[in-house]
Amino acid sequence: MARTTLATALALTLVATGGTIVTWSASASPGPATDRLAPLHAAGPNAIDGRYIVVLKQPAKSAAQTSTARALTAPKATAQEAGGTVRREYTGTLQGFSADLPPAALDEIRRDPAVAYVQPVRIHRQEAPAASQPATKATQKRAPWHLDRIDQRKLPLDTSYTPKGDAAGVPVYVLDSGIRASHKEFGGRASGVYSAIKDGKGTKDCANHGTFVASHIAGKTYGVAKKAKVRAVRILGCDNSATTEEIIDGMNWTARHAPKSSVVNMSIQSADGFADQAMDDAAKAMINKGLILVFISGNFGKGDCQNSPKDPRAVTMGATTKKDARNTGSNPSSYGSCLTAFAPGAGVSGAGKDSDTHVLTGWNGTSFAAPLATGTIAIALRDNPKLTMAQAKKLIVSAATPGRLTNIGKGSPNRLLYAGNAKR
């Protein structure tokens, strides 16, 4: 069979999501496949054998009138005719698709000049619980310590939390394991909007992680922004892990459907903190579309700033203990110059998935520090619905309490998140 290439596809034009007319910047003249091979990224940890993300070169603006989806037609045909199986398509962030590719199909895809790079799909596991998980009623008269700490400049804690606002009606997108929307912590303000996990469970949380994270954003007891609306985009399965293709699927959906200036929480760590270009490129595209992203530094105790997804423009959070030190215990906080600030993330409590009053205690991780920053940004969005990524990051940096933390790690900023109502 004659080799099928993507050269003729370069004559196709496409209209990107949102109506902008674009065309591929490469030559539109058909021709034989090139001997140049698109980069194949290293497998890294937890790679799935034979499964890849194929990322196409970014289109350039033009006067053509075809759809974005048509740009994927020839690449998909190349993969399929060489024995591959296309799994998911991406048009909201990356231009590309995921596929199972045998060696012959992988070689064909890499020869096409329209392909930017090919990356193995990896499994990304999130931090595990660090302590017991009792089920109790979510009723507390005193503020939990993680809230108590971020509304005052110094220790000791005063057992109260007084925020600048409540973010009433502000939507927050939580890309995680789903949310138990009926939990009393949310008071009807939680809902599921999309699931990238195709296990029939929809956006229901079967791993606890997403419900816990969401409660730190908008829970009536545990949340910073107590009247915000949380929207679950499920990207983690019941084992609290996801593949690269599932994570990007959720990012892709959010980029296409979340309104501009929406704040997005991604308490996600890549496999062993290994850099993942496809996820990073998706994050870049989300910010370019006007979304506000909050990430974690990861829970590997590393200082290399490689955890994905990441983007230097985003807010990236590390975790601290009750003693104002970087968490170096279970799920140790990673550190470095990529951090925006730290927030409480050791021995914290939050909502669980098992019942509408389920509470989890003693959890450690940067996953639970990031949503405190997300809630703080949601409060700001209530007053300024057109807040930008740059403005949100500046807000976190300028309001933070400086110089109070110890053992922060080389290169880290000595900043503790501040969400209080008091003047400096």
Protein backbone atom coordinates (compact mmCIF):
# COMPACT_ATOMS: atom_id res chain seq x y z
CA MET A 1 0.00 0.00 0.00
CA ALA A 2 1.32 3.45 -0.88
CA ARG A 3 2.25 5.52 2.10
CA THR A 4 -0.43 8.03 3.16
CA THR A 5 1.04 11.31 4.31
CA LEU A 6 -0.25 14.61 5.63
CA ALA A 7 1.34 16.76 2.93
CA THR A 8 -1.96 17.30 1.14
CA ALA A 9 -3.55 18.22 4.45
CA LEU A 10 -1.41 21.32 4.59
CA ALA A 11 -3.61 22.79 1.85
CA LEU A 12 -6.59 22.51 4.15
CA THR A 13 -7.70 25.56 6.05
CA LEU A 14 -9.61 25.65 9.27
CA VAL A 15 -11.64 27.89 11.51
CA ALA A 16 -10.56 27.72 15.15
CA THR A 17 -13.02 27.53 18.01
CA GLY A 18 -14.60 30.92 18.45
CA GLY A 19 -14.73 31.73 14.74
CA THR A 20 -11.20 32.96 14.04
CA ILE A 21 -10.20 31.98 10.51
CA VAL A 22 -6.87 30.19 10.32
CA THR A 23 -4.70 28.09 8.00
CA TRP A 24 -1.59 26.00 8.44
CA SER A 25 1.55 28.11 8.13
CA ALA A 26 3.48 25.42 6.26
CA SER A 27 3.44 25.20 2.46
CA ALA A 28 0.14 24.09 0.96
CA SER A 29 1.82 22.28 -1.94
CA PRO A 30 1.36 18.49 -1.82
CA GLY A 31 4.46 16.36 -1.90
CA PRO A 32 6.08 13.22 -0.56
CA ALA A 33 6.66 12.60 3.12
CA THR A 34 9.82 14.12 4.49
CA ASP A 35 12.63 12.11 6.04
CA ARG A 36 12.52 14.48 8.98
CA LEU A 37 11.01 12.85 12.04
CA ALA A 38 8.93 14.85 14.47
CA PRO A 39 10.37 14.65 17.99
CA LEU A 40 9.33 11.64 20.06
CA HIS A 41 9.48 12.57 23.72
CA ALA A 42 10.98 10.22 26.28
CA ALA A 43 8.54 7.76 27.78
CA GLY A 44 9.23 8.82 31.35
CA PRO A 45 7.61 7.11 34.34
CA ASN A 46 4.32 5.21 34.09
CA ALA A 47 4.13 5.37 30.29
CA ILE A 48 1.45 3.26 28.59
CA ASP A 49 3.09 1.10 25.94
CA GLY A 50 2.03 2.03 22.41
CA ARG A 51 -0.25 4.95 23.37
CA TYR A 52 0.64 8.50 22.32
CA ILE A 53 -0.47 12.12 22.11
CA VAL A 54 0.07 13.48 18.59
CA VAL A 55 0.38 17.28 18.64
CA LEU A 56 0.11 19.20 15.37
CA LYS A 57 1.87 22.44 14.60
CA GLN A 58 -0.07 25.52 15.58
CA PRO A 59 -2.11 27.07 12.78
CA ALA A 60 -1.57 30.62 11.54
CA LYS A 61 -4.29 33.17 10.72
CA SER A 62 -5.58 33.23 7.15
CA ALA A 63 -8.64 33.83 5.02
CA ALA A 64 -9.66 30.23 4.53
CA GLN A 65 -12.99 28.79 5.62
CA THR A 66 -12.76 25.20 6.78
CA SER A 67 -13.33 23.82 10.28
CA THR A 68 -10.72 23.02 12.89
CA ALA A 69 -11.93 19.41 12.89
CA ARG A 70 -10.96 19.02 9.21
CA ALA A 71 -7.36 19.70 10.10
CA LEU A 72 -7.35 16.43 12.03
CA THR A 73 -8.77 14.35 9.18
CA ALA A 74 -5.52 13.59 7.34
CA PRO A 75 -3.46 12.93 10.50
CA LYS A 76 -6.08 10.54 11.79
CA ALA A 77 -6.20 8.78 8.43
CA THR A 78 -2.43 8.36 8.49
CA ALA A 79 -2.59 6.76 11.92
CA GLN A 80 -5.49 4.47 11.05
CA GLU A 81 -4.19 3.32 7.67
CA ALA A 82 -0.90 2.34 9.27
CA GLY A 83 -2.73 0.22 11.86
CA GLY A 84 -3.29 2.75 14.63
CA THR A 85 -6.46 3.49 16.59
CA VAL A 86 -7.48 7.09 17.26
CA ARG A 87 -8.89 7.55 20.76
CA ARG A 88 -9.57 11.24 21.51
CA GLU A 89 -9.40 14.51 19.57
CA TYR A 90 -8.23 17.88 20.91
CA THR A 91 -9.20 21.23 19.41
CA GLY A 92 -9.77 23.53 22.41
CA THR A 93 -6.18 23.62 23.66
CA LEU A 94 -3.82 21.47 21.61
CA GLN A 95 -4.45 20.70 17.96
CA GLY A 96 -4.09 16.94 17.91
CA PHE A 97 -5.31 13.60 19.14
CA SER A 98 -4.43 10.56 21.22
CA ALA A 99 -3.99 7.17 19.61
CA ASP A 100 -2.74 3.63 20.04
CA LEU A 101 0.11 3.41 17.51
CA PRO A 102 2.10 0.31 16.58
CA PRO A 103 5.70 1.03 15.47
CA ALA A 104 4.79 1.38 11.78
CA ALA A 105 2.03 3.89 12.49
CA LEU A 106 4.25 5.81 14.89
CA ASP A 107 6.89 6.12 12.18
CA GLU A 108 4.34 7.35 9.61
CA ILE A 109 2.97 10.00 11.97
CA ARG A 110 6.43 11.27 12.86
CA ARG A 111 7.35 11.69 9.18
CA ASP A 112 4.53 14.11 8.50
CA PRO A 113 5.63 17.78 8.39
CA ALA A 114 2.39 18.91 10.07
CA VAL A 115 3.25 17.07 13.29
CA ALA A 116 4.99 19.14 15.98
CA TYR A 117 5.82 16.27 18.33
CA VAL A 118 4.63 12.92 19.63
CA GLN A 119 4.51 12.13 23.33
CA PRO A 120 3.82 8.87 25.17
CA VAL A 121 0.69 8.82 27.31
CA ARG A 122 1.53 8.45 31.00
CA ILE A 123 -0.47 7.59 34.11
CA HIS A 124 -0.42 10.40 36.67
CA ARG A 125 -1.20 9.38 40.27
CA GLN A 126 -2.16 11.92 42.91
CA GLU A 127 -1.19 12.00 46.58
CA ALA A 128 -2.73 9.45 48.93
CA PRO A 129 -4.44 10.23 52.26
CA ALA A 130 -1.95 10.69 55.07
CA ALA A 131 -4.13 9.88 58.06
CA SER A 132 -7.47 8.47 59.22
CA GLN A 133 -10.68 9.35 57.44
CA PRO A 134 -13.54 9.42 59.96
CA ALA A 135 -17.06 10.24 58.85
CA THR A 136 -18.59 12.97 61.01
CA LYS A 137 -21.03 15.83 60.73
CA ALA A 138 -19.49 18.88 59.09
CA THR A 139 -20.34 21.25 61.91
CA GLN A 140 -17.58 23.30 63.51
CA LYS A 141 -17.89 26.40 65.62
CA ARG A 142 -14.24 27.33 65.19
CA ALA A 143 -12.51 27.96 61.88
CA PRO A 144 -10.29 25.09 60.71
CA TRP A 145 -6.63 25.97 61.01
CA HIS A 146 -5.99 26.27 57.29
CA LEU A 147 -8.51 29.14 57.09
CA ASP A 148 -7.53 30.61 60.44
CA ARG A 149 -3.93 30.96 59.25
CA ILE A 150 -4.59 32.81 56.00
CA ASP A 151 -6.55 35.71 57.47
CA GLN A 152 -3.86 36.81 59.94
CA ARG A 153 -0.25 37.87 59.57
CA LYS A 154 1.30 36.18 62.59
CA LEU A 155 0.97 33.18 64.87
CA PRO A 156 -0.60 32.20 67.23
CA LEU A 157 -3.93 31.44 65.60
CA ASP A 158 -7.04 33.19 66.91
CA THR A 159 -9.59 30.48 65.87
CA SER A 160 -11.45 32.81 63.49
CA TYR A 161 -11.60 33.47 59.76
CA THR A 162 -12.71 36.81 58.33
CA PRO A 163 -12.42 36.93 54.51
CA LYS A 164 -12.69 39.88 52.17
CA GLY A 165 -15.87 38.48 50.63
CA ASP A 166 -17.76 35.31 49.79
CA ALA A 167 -17.56 35.15 45.95
CA ALA A 168 -21.34 34.81 45.71
CA GLY A 169 -22.29 33.32 42.34
CA VAL A 170 -18.73 33.13 40.99
CA PRO A 171 -18.16 29.86 39.06
CA VAL A 172 -14.97 27.92 39.79
CA TYR A 173 -13.89 24.98 37.62
CA VAL A 174 -12.35 22.09 39.54
CA LEU A 175 -10.45 19.64 37.32
CA ASP A 176 -10.13 16.66 39.63
CA SER A 177 -11.79 13.38 40.62
CA GLY A 178 -15.31 14.82 40.54
CA ILE A 179 -17.41 16.25 43.37
CA ARG A 180 -20.11 14.88 45.65
CA ALA A 181 -22.41 17.73 44.65
CA SER A 182 -25.03 16.90 47.29
CA HIS A 183 -22.61 17.36 50.20
CA LYS A 184 -23.93 19.84 52.75
CA GLU A 185 -20.67 21.80 52.52
CA PHE A 186 -21.80 23.11 49.14
CA GLY A 187 -25.43 23.95 49.88
CA GLY A 188 -26.54 23.31 46.30
CA ARG A 189 -23.67 25.32 44.80
CA ALA A 190 -21.83 22.34 43.29
CA SER A 191 -22.53 20.61 40.00
CA GLY A 192 -20.86 18.33 37.49
CA VAL A 193 -20.28 19.64 33.97
CA TYR A 194 -18.00 17.14 32.18
CA SER A 195 -16.21 13.84 32.68
CA ALA A 196 -13.11 12.79 30.76
CA ILE A 197 -13.24 9.45 32.63
CA LYS A 198 -15.45 7.09 30.65
CA ASP A 199 -16.42 4.66 33.41
CA GLY A 200 -20.14 5.43 33.57
CA LYS A 201 -19.88 7.36 36.83
CA GLY A 202 -20.16 10.78 35.28
CA THR A 203 -18.78 13.52 37.53
CA LYS A 204 -19.45 11.66 40.78
CA ASP A 205 -16.42 11.51 43.05
CA CYS A 206 -15.22 7.99 43.86
CA ALA A 207 -11.73 8.98 45.06
CA ASN A 208 -12.42 11.72 47.67
CA HIS A 209 -9.77 14.03 46.20
CA GLY A 210 -12.07 16.31 44.19
CA THR A 211 -14.69 16.76 46.90
CA PHE A 212 -11.98 17.59 49.43
CA VAL A 213 -10.33 20.10 47.08
CA ALA A 214 -13.67 21.73 46.22
CA SER A 215 -14.53 22.10 49.91
CA HIS A 216 -11.34 24.13 50.42
CA ILE A 217 -12.50 26.46 47.66
CA ALA A 218 -16.17 26.89 48.46
CA GLY A 219 -17.24 24.76 51.44
CA LYS A 220 -19.30 26.52 54.09
CA THR A 221 -16.97 25.20 56.81
CA TYR A 222 -13.67 24.55 55.03
CA GLY A 223 -13.79 26.94 52.08
CA VAL A 224 -12.24 30.34 51.44
CA ALA A 225 -15.03 31.56 49.14
CA LYS A 226 -18.14 30.33 50.90
CA LYS A 227 -20.72 31.22 48.27
CA ALA A 228 -18.80 30.42 45.08
CA LYS A 229 -20.20 27.83 42.67
CA VAL A 230 -17.96 24.85 42.01
CA ARG A 231 -18.13 23.05 38.66
CA ALA A 232 -16.68 19.54 38.49
CA VAL A 233 -14.66 18.53 35.44
CA ARG A 234 -13.70 14.95 36.22
CA ILE A 235 -10.23 13.94 35.05
CA LEU A 236 -9.23 11.44 37.76
CA GLY A 237 -10.57 7.92 38.13
CA CYS A 238 -11.57 6.02 41.25
CA ASP A 239 -7.92 5.13 41.87
CA ASN A 240 -7.08 8.86 41.99
CA SER A 241 -5.06 8.67 38.77
CA ALA A 242 -5.47 9.65 35.14
CA THR A 243 -3.71 9.30 31.83
CA THR A 244 -2.28 12.23 29.93
CA GLU A 245 -5.05 11.94 27.34
CA GLU A 246 -7.76 12.12 30.03
CA ILE A 247 -6.23 15.16 31.71
CA ILE A 248 -5.87 17.01 28.40
CA ASP A 249 -9.42 16.03 27.47
CA GLY A 250 -10.68 17.82 30.59
CA MET A 251 -8.47 20.83 29.92
CA ASN A 252 -9.67 20.89 26.32
CA TRP A 253 -13.34 20.87 27.39
CA THR A 254 -12.77 23.62 29.93
CA ALA A 255 -10.98 25.81 27.40
CA ARG A 256 -13.93 25.47 25.04
CA HIS A 257 -16.74 25.99 27.56
CA ALA A 258 -15.61 28.03 30.57
CA PRO A 259 -16.28 31.77 30.26
CA LYS A 260 -13.31 34.09 29.94
CA SER A 261 -11.78 35.07 33.32
CA SER A 262 -13.03 31.87 34.97
CA VAL A 263 -10.69 30.53 37.63
CA VAL A 264 -9.63 26.90 37.19
CA ASN A 265 -8.14 24.75 39.97
CA MET A 266 -5.86 21.89 38.90
CA SER A 267 -4.50 20.10 41.97
CA ILE A 268 -2.75 17.65 39.66
CA GLN A 269 0.76 16.23 39.75
CA SER A 270 2.47 14.50 36.85
CA ALA A 271 4.06 11.06 37.10
CA ASP A 272 6.98 11.41 39.55
CA GLY A 273 6.91 15.15 38.90
CA PHE A 274 8.15 14.47 35.36
CA ALA A 275 7.67 17.36 32.90
CA ASP A 276 4.85 16.73 30.41
CA GLN A 277 4.97 19.05 27.40
CA ALA A 278 1.50 18.18 26.12
CA MET A 279 -0.10 19.16 29.43
CA ASP A 280 2.07 22.28 29.61
CA ASP A 281 1.07 23.29 26.09
CA ALA A 282 -2.60 22.77 26.98
CA ALA A 283 -2.16 24.98 30.05
CA LYS A 284 -0.54 27.67 27.91
CA ALA A 285 -3.50 27.59 25.53
CA MET A 286 -5.99 27.88 28.40
CA ILE A 287 -4.29 31.00 29.73
CA ASN A 288 -4.11 32.42 26.20
CA LYS A 289 -7.89 32.00 26.02
CA GLY A 290 -8.30 34.18 29.11
CA LEU A 291 -8.68 31.58 31.86
CA ILE A 292 -7.05 31.92 35.30
CA LEU A 293 -5.14 28.78 36.32
CA VAL A 294 -4.01 27.63 39.75
CA PHE A 295 -1.53 24.71 39.94
CA ILE A 296 0.45 22.82 42.58
CA SER A 297 4.20 22.48 42.94
CA GLY A 298 3.76 18.74 43.54
CA ASN A 299 4.38 16.39 46.44
CA PHE A 300 7.85 15.04 45.75
CA GLY A 301 9.97 17.36 47.90
CA LYS A 302 11.82 18.40 44.73
CA GLY A 303 13.20 21.77 43.73
CA ASP A 304 13.35 21.29 39.97
CA CYS A 305 9.99 22.92 39.10
CA GLN A 306 9.19 20.18 36.59
CA ASN A 307 5.72 19.14 37.79
CA SER A 308 3.07 19.40 35.08
CA PRO A 309 0.77 21.01 34.17
CA LYS A 310 2.62 24.29 34.59
CA ASP A 311 3.03 27.71 33.05
CA PRO A 312 5.14 30.60 34.36
CA ARG A 313 2.13 32.91 34.19
CA ALA A 314 -0.06 30.70 36.39
CA VAL A 315 -0.40 30.70 40.18
CA THR A 316 1.58 27.75 41.59
CA MET A 317 1.27 26.82 45.26
CA GLY A 318 3.35 24.94 47.82
CA ALA A 319 2.17 23.60 51.20
CA THR A 320 2.97 24.58 54.79
CA THR A 321 2.41 23.18 58.28
CA LYS A 322 0.84 24.67 61.40
CA LYS A 323 4.32 25.84 62.41
CA ASP A 324 4.72 27.94 59.25
CA ALA A 325 7.28 25.60 57.71
CA ARG A 326 7.23 23.99 54.29
CA ASN A 327 5.64 20.55 54.64
CA THR A 328 8.45 17.97 54.56
CA GLY A 329 6.43 15.13 56.09
CA SER A 330 4.02 12.89 54.23
CA ASN A 331 3.53 14.15 50.65
CA PRO A 332 6.35 16.71 51.02
CA SER A 333 5.85 19.97 49.19
CA SER A 334 8.05 20.56 46.18
CA TYR A 335 9.66 23.97 46.00
CA GLY A 336 11.63 26.38 43.82
CA SER A 337 11.46 29.65 41.94
CA CYS A 338 8.33 28.54 40.05
CA LEU A 339 6.20 28.91 43.19
CA THR A 340 3.96 31.93 43.58
CA ALA A 341 3.36 31.40 47.31
CA PHE A 342 2.70 28.80 50.00
CA ALA A 343 -0.54 28.00 51.83
CA PRO A 344 -1.60 25.54 54.56
CA GLY A 345 -1.52 21.97 53.30
CA ALA A 346 -0.56 19.62 56.15
CA GLY A 347 -2.92 18.03 58.65
CA VAL A 348 -5.94 19.68 57.04
CA SER A 349 -9.59 18.65 57.04
CA GLY A 350 -12.26 18.81 54.35
CA ALA A 351 -15.36 17.24 52.84
CA GLY A 352 -15.41 13.60 51.70
CA LYS A 353 -17.42 11.59 49.19
CA ASP A 354 -19.03 8.90 51.36
CA SER A 355 -22.04 10.87 52.59
CA ASP A 356 -23.45 14.38 52.58
CA THR A 357 -21.79 15.03 55.95
CA HIS A 358 -18.56 13.05 55.43
CA VAL A 359 -15.43 14.79 56.72
CA LEU A 360 -11.81 13.73 56.15
CA THR A 361 -9.04 14.73 58.53
CA GLY A 362 -5.26 14.80 58.61
CA TRP A 363 -4.61 15.16 54.89
CA ASN A 364 -1.29 16.43 53.56
CA GLY A 365 -0.49 17.79 50.12
CA THR A 366 -0.08 20.77 47.86
CA SER A 367 -3.41 19.73 46.35
CA PHE A 368 -5.11 21.27 49.36
CA ALA A 369 -3.02 24.45 49.41
CA ALA A 370 -3.84 25.41 45.81
CA PRO A 371 -7.64 25.64 46.31
CA LEU A 372 -7.09 28.22 49.06
CA ALA A 373 -5.50 30.47 46.43
CA THR A 374 -8.29 29.59 44.00
CA GLY A 375 -10.91 30.67 46.53
CA THR A 376 -9.03 33.90 47.15
CA ILE A 377 -9.08 34.65 43.42
CA ALA A 378 -12.80 33.80 43.26
CA ILE A 379 -13.47 36.47 45.89
CA ALA A 380 -11.58 39.00 43.76
CA LEU A 381 -13.58 37.95 40.68
CA ARG A 382 -16.80 38.89 42.48
CA ASP A 383 -15.63 42.52 42.46
CA ASN A 384 -13.80 42.39 39.13
CA PRO A 385 -15.37 39.85 36.73
CA LYS A 386 -12.83 40.76 34.03
CA LEU A 387 -9.80 39.86 36.13
CA THR A 388 -6.88 38.57 34.06
CA MET A 389 -4.33 35.88 34.81
CA ALA A 390 -1.65 38.51 35.35
CA GLN A 391 -3.87 40.51 37.71
CA ALA A 392 -4.82 37.41 39.68
CA LYS A 393 -1.20 36.43 40.17
CA LYS A 394 -0.26 39.97 41.18
CA LEU A 395 -3.08 39.91 43.72
CA ILE A 396 -1.75 36.72 45.33
CA VAL A 397 1.82 38.03 45.42
CA SER A 398 1.05 41.54 46.68
CA ALA A 399 -1.35 40.41 49.42
CA ALA A 400 0.83 37.55 50.69
CA THR A 401 2.45 37.69 54.12
CA PRO A 402 6.23 37.90 53.61
CA GLY A 403 9.07 36.47 55.65
CA ARG A 404 7.16 34.21 58.04
CA LEU A 405 8.03 30.77 56.68
CA THR A 406 10.95 28.46 57.42
CA ASN A 407 12.66 25.72 55.42
CA ILE A 408 11.03 26.93 52.23
CA GLY A 409 13.60 25.33 49.93
CA LYS A 410 16.15 26.91 47.63
CA GLY A 411 14.71 29.49 45.27
CA SER A 412 11.24 29.55 46.84
CA PRO A 413 9.52 32.85 47.63
CA ASN A 414 8.94 33.42 51.35
CA ARG A 415 5.28 34.25 50.92
CA LEU A 416 2.25 32.88 52.76
CA LEU A 417 -1.18 33.25 51.16
CA TYR A 418 -3.28 36.00 52.72
CA ALA A 419 -7.04 36.14 52.23
CA GLY A 420 -8.04 38.25 55.21
CA ASN A 421 -9.90 41.53 55.43
CA ALA A 422 -7.42 43.38 57.65
CA LYS A 423 -5.08 46.08 56.40
CA ARG A 424 -1.37 45.33 56.31
